[in-house]
């Protein structure tokens, strides 16, 4: 019985050691997931019609990282992997078949920043 107890203690000790060694790497992998932002949406003109082939640019003010994206045929866009912080955005588009024109716009966003 004493021998069985020592074997069980050995397994528990090994499991605790492995957990202690792996725990920092598991939390390190989860860390970057909270440091990136995604933006998605639909661009419409003044009449509410979707705007295809509108161009959006996102520039992070601190890192200078620039992401460009265009809307699809449904006016939708998606940008992923934006770092947290203050980001400046620009939007411009071509005249649409409806005759409406999408006026250029600039905007600012903050990801992961409390005001």
C-alpha atoms as a PDB file:
ATOM      1  CA  UNK A   1       0.000   0.000   0.000  1.00  0.00           C
ATOM      2  CA  UNK A   2       2.871   2.332   0.715  1.00  0.00           C
ATOM      3  CA  UNK A   3       4.270   1.681  -2.756  1.00  0.00           C
ATOM      4  CA  UNK A   4       0.928   2.589  -4.432  1.00  0.00           C
ATOM      5  CA  UNK A   5       0.785   5.853  -2.492  1.00  0.00           C
ATOM      6  CA  UNK A   6       4.287   6.811  -3.610  1.00  0.00           C
ATOM      7  CA  UNK A   7       3.377   6.062  -7.278  1.00  0.00           C
ATOM      8  CA  UNK A   8       0.262   8.251  -6.989  1.00  0.00           C
ATOM      9  CA  UNK A   9       2.324  11.032  -5.434  1.00  0.00           C
ATOM     10  CA  UNK A  10       4.798  10.777  -8.311  1.00  0.00           C
ATOM     11  CA  UNK A  11       2.005  11.181 -10.897  1.00  0.00           C
ATOM     12  CA  UNK A  12       0.474  14.136  -9.056  1.00  0.00           C
ATOM     13  CA  UNK A  13       3.877  15.792  -8.731  1.00  0.00           C
ATOM     14  CA  UNK A  14       4.556  15.286 -12.440  1.00  0.00           C
ATOM     15  CA  UNK A  15       1.141  16.685 -13.377  1.00  0.00           C
ATOM     16  CA  UNK A  16       1.666  19.755 -11.179  1.00  0.00           C
ATOM     17  CA  UNK A  17       5.118  20.332 -12.669  1.00  0.00           C
ATOM     18  CA  UNK A  18       3.772  20.093 -16.225  1.00  0.00           C
ATOM     19  CA  UNK A  19       0.917  22.451 -15.402  1.00  0.00           C
ATOM     20  CA  UNK A  20       3.315  24.943 -13.844  1.00  0.00           C
ATOM     21  CA  UNK A  21       5.532  24.824 -16.937  1.00  0.00           C
ATOM     22  CA  UNK A  22       2.704  25.046 -19.487  1.00  0.00           C
ATOM     23  CA  UNK A  23       0.543  27.667 -17.769  1.00  0.00           C
ATOM     24  CA  UNK A  24       2.625  30.728 -18.853  1.00  0.00           C
ATOM     25  CA  UNK A  25       2.635  29.597 -22.488  1.00  0.00           C
ATOM     26  CA  UNK A  26      -1.141  29.130 -22.485  1.00  0.00           C
ATOM     27  CA  UNK A  27      -1.791  32.624 -21.141  1.00  0.00           C
ATOM     28  CA  UNK A  28       0.783  34.104 -23.559  1.00  0.00           C
ATOM     29  CA  UNK A  29      -1.135  32.638 -26.491  1.00  0.00           C
ATOM     30  CA  UNK A  30      -4.382  34.160 -25.261  1.00  0.00           C
ATOM     31  CA  UNK A  31      -2.845  37.614 -24.769  1.00  0.00           C
ATOM     32  CA  UNK A  32      -2.620  38.693 -28.448  1.00  0.00           C
ATOM     33  CA  UNK A  33      -6.261  37.825 -29.000  1.00  0.00           C
ATOM     34  CA  UNK A  34      -7.288  40.741 -26.804  1.00  0.00           C
ATOM     35  CA  UNK A  35      -4.907  43.213 -28.445  1.00  0.00           C
ATOM     36  CA  UNK A  36      -6.405  43.226 -31.964  1.00  0.00           C
ATOM     37  CA  UNK A  37      -9.644  44.690 -33.226  1.00  0.00           C
ATOM     38  CA  UNK A  38     -11.954  43.950 -36.148  1.00  0.00           C
ATOM     39  CA  UNK A  39     -14.216  46.414 -37.928  1.00  0.00           C
ATOM     40  CA  UNK A  40     -17.007  45.481 -40.312  1.00  0.00           C
ATOM     41  CA  UNK A  41     -20.078  47.130 -41.727  1.00  0.00           C
ATOM     42  CA  UNK A  42     -22.049  48.253 -44.753  1.00  0.00           C
ATOM     43  CA  UNK A  43     -21.593  51.519 -46.639  1.00  0.00           C
ATOM     44  CA  UNK A  44     -24.742  53.189 -47.972  1.00  0.00           C
ATOM     45  CA  UNK A  45     -25.341  56.460 -49.786  1.00  0.00           C
ATOM     46  CA  UNK A  46     -27.802  59.214 -48.829  1.00  0.00           C
ATOM     47  CA  UNK A  47     -30.721  57.319 -50.365  1.00  0.00           C
ATOM     48  CA  UNK A  48     -29.885  54.158 -48.394  1.00  0.00           C
ATOM     49  CA  UNK A  49     -28.589  52.232 -51.409  1.00  0.00           C
ATOM     50  CA  UNK A  50     -25.482  50.117 -50.801  1.00  0.00           C
ATOM     51  CA  UNK A  51     -22.216  51.421 -52.217  1.00  0.00           C
ATOM     52  CA  UNK A  52     -20.054  48.834 -53.925  1.00  0.00           C
ATOM     53  CA  UNK A  53     -16.356  49.474 -54.540  1.00  0.00           C
ATOM     54  CA  UNK A  54     -16.108  52.164 -51.852  1.00  0.00           C
ATOM     55  CA  UNK A  55     -12.568  52.384 -50.484  1.00  0.00           C
ATOM     56  CA  UNK A  56     -11.735  52.583 -46.794  1.00  0.00           C
ATOM     57  CA  UNK A  57      -8.329  53.192 -45.254  1.00  0.00           C
ATOM     58  CA  UNK A  58      -7.512  52.695 -41.583  1.00  0.00           C
ATOM     59  CA  UNK A  59      -4.239  54.079 -40.143  1.00  0.00           C
ATOM     60  CA  UNK A  60      -3.162  53.491 -36.537  1.00  0.00           C
ATOM     61  CA  UNK A  61      -1.839  56.791 -35.184  1.00  0.00           C
ATOM     62  CA  UNK A  62       0.863  55.304 -32.961  1.00  0.00           C
ATOM     63  CA  UNK A  63       2.216  52.486 -35.127  1.00  0.00           C
ATOM     64  CA  UNK A  64       1.459  53.863 -38.601  1.00  0.00           C
ATOM     65  CA  UNK A  65      -0.029  50.494 -39.595  1.00  0.00           C
ATOM     66  CA  UNK A  66      -2.233  51.038 -42.649  1.00  0.00           C
ATOM     67  CA  UNK A  67      -5.028  48.766 -43.839  1.00  0.00           C
ATOM     68  CA  UNK A  68      -6.953  49.296 -47.078  1.00  0.00           C
ATOM     69  CA  UNK A  69     -10.218  47.579 -47.930  1.00  0.00           C
ATOM     70  CA  UNK A  70     -12.979  47.929 -50.527  1.00  0.00           C
ATOM     71  CA  UNK A  71     -16.647  47.140 -50.180  1.00  0.00           C
ATOM     72  CA  UNK A  72     -18.081  44.172 -52.032  1.00  0.00           C
ATOM     73  CA  UNK A  73     -21.153  44.149 -54.298  1.00  0.00           C
ATOM     74  CA  UNK A  74     -23.383  44.291 -51.203  1.00  0.00           C
ATOM     75  CA  UNK A  75     -21.563  47.342 -49.805  1.00  0.00           C
ATOM     76  CA  UNK A  76     -19.990  45.297 -47.009  1.00  0.00           C
ATOM     77  CA  UNK A  77     -16.423  45.461 -45.728  1.00  0.00           C
ATOM     78  CA  UNK A  78     -14.339  43.755 -43.025  1.00  0.00           C
ATOM     79  CA  UNK A  79     -10.945  44.693 -41.607  1.00  0.00           C
ATOM     80  CA  UNK A  80      -9.227  42.456 -39.055  1.00  0.00           C
ATOM     81  CA  UNK A  81      -6.013  42.621 -37.086  1.00  0.00           C
ATOM     82  CA  UNK A  82      -6.132  46.308 -36.213  1.00  0.00           C
ATOM     83  CA  UNK A  83      -3.965  47.112 -33.188  1.00  0.00           C
ATOM     84  CA  UNK A  84      -5.542  48.791 -30.190  1.00  0.00           C
ATOM     85  CA  UNK A  85      -5.243  52.543 -29.918  1.00  0.00           C
ATOM     86  CA  UNK A  86      -6.445  55.526 -31.885  1.00  0.00           C
ATOM     87  CA  UNK A  87      -7.107  54.949 -35.583  1.00  0.00           C
ATOM     88  CA  UNK A  88      -7.905  57.432 -38.334  1.00  0.00           C
ATOM     89  CA  UNK A  89     -10.174  56.249 -41.107  1.00  0.00           C
ATOM     90  CA  UNK A  90     -10.898  57.577 -44.579  1.00  0.00           C
ATOM     91  CA  UNK A  91     -13.762  56.688 -46.890  1.00  0.00           C
ATOM     92  CA  UNK A  92     -14.191  57.545 -50.544  1.00  0.00           C
ATOM     93  CA  UNK A  93     -16.139  56.058 -53.417  1.00  0.00           C
ATOM     94  CA  UNK A  94     -16.941  56.384 -57.094  1.00  0.00           C
ATOM     95  CA  UNK A  95     -20.221  57.788 -58.426  1.00  0.00           C
ATOM     96  CA  UNK A  96     -22.851  55.052 -58.286  1.00  0.00           C
ATOM     97  CA  UNK A  97     -25.127  53.805 -61.052  1.00  0.00           C
ATOM     98  CA  UNK A  98     -28.003  55.418 -59.125  1.00  0.00           C
ATOM     99  CA  UNK A  99     -26.367  58.783 -59.830  1.00  0.00           C
ATOM    100  CA  UNK A 100     -25.574  59.341 -56.167  1.00  0.00           C
ATOM    101  CA  UNK A 101     -22.066  60.333 -55.151  1.00  0.00           C
ATOM    102  CA  UNK A 102     -20.430  59.194 -51.925  1.00  0.00           C
ATOM    103  CA  UNK A 103     -18.691  62.234 -50.439  1.00  0.00           C
ATOM    104  CA  UNK A 104     -15.241  61.529 -48.977  1.00  0.00           C
ATOM    105  CA  UNK A 105     -15.245  61.265 -45.190  1.00  0.00           C
ATOM    106  CA  UNK A 106     -12.641  60.986 -42.464  1.00  0.00           C
ATOM    107  CA  UNK A 107     -13.334  59.611 -39.021  1.00  0.00           C
ATOM    108  CA  UNK A 108     -11.499  58.539 -35.900  1.00  0.00           C
ATOM    109  CA  UNK A 109     -11.961  55.436 -33.788  1.00  0.00           C
ATOM    110  CA  UNK A 110     -10.431  54.065 -30.622  1.00  0.00           C
ATOM    111  CA  UNK A 111      -9.953  50.324 -30.093  1.00  0.00           C
ATOM    112  CA  UNK A 112      -9.361  49.037 -26.585  1.00  0.00           C
ATOM    113  CA  UNK A 113      -9.109  52.572 -25.175  1.00  0.00           C
ATOM    114  CA  UNK A 114     -11.302  53.935 -22.415  1.00  0.00           C
ATOM    115  CA  UNK A 115     -12.379  57.550 -22.612  1.00  0.00           C
END
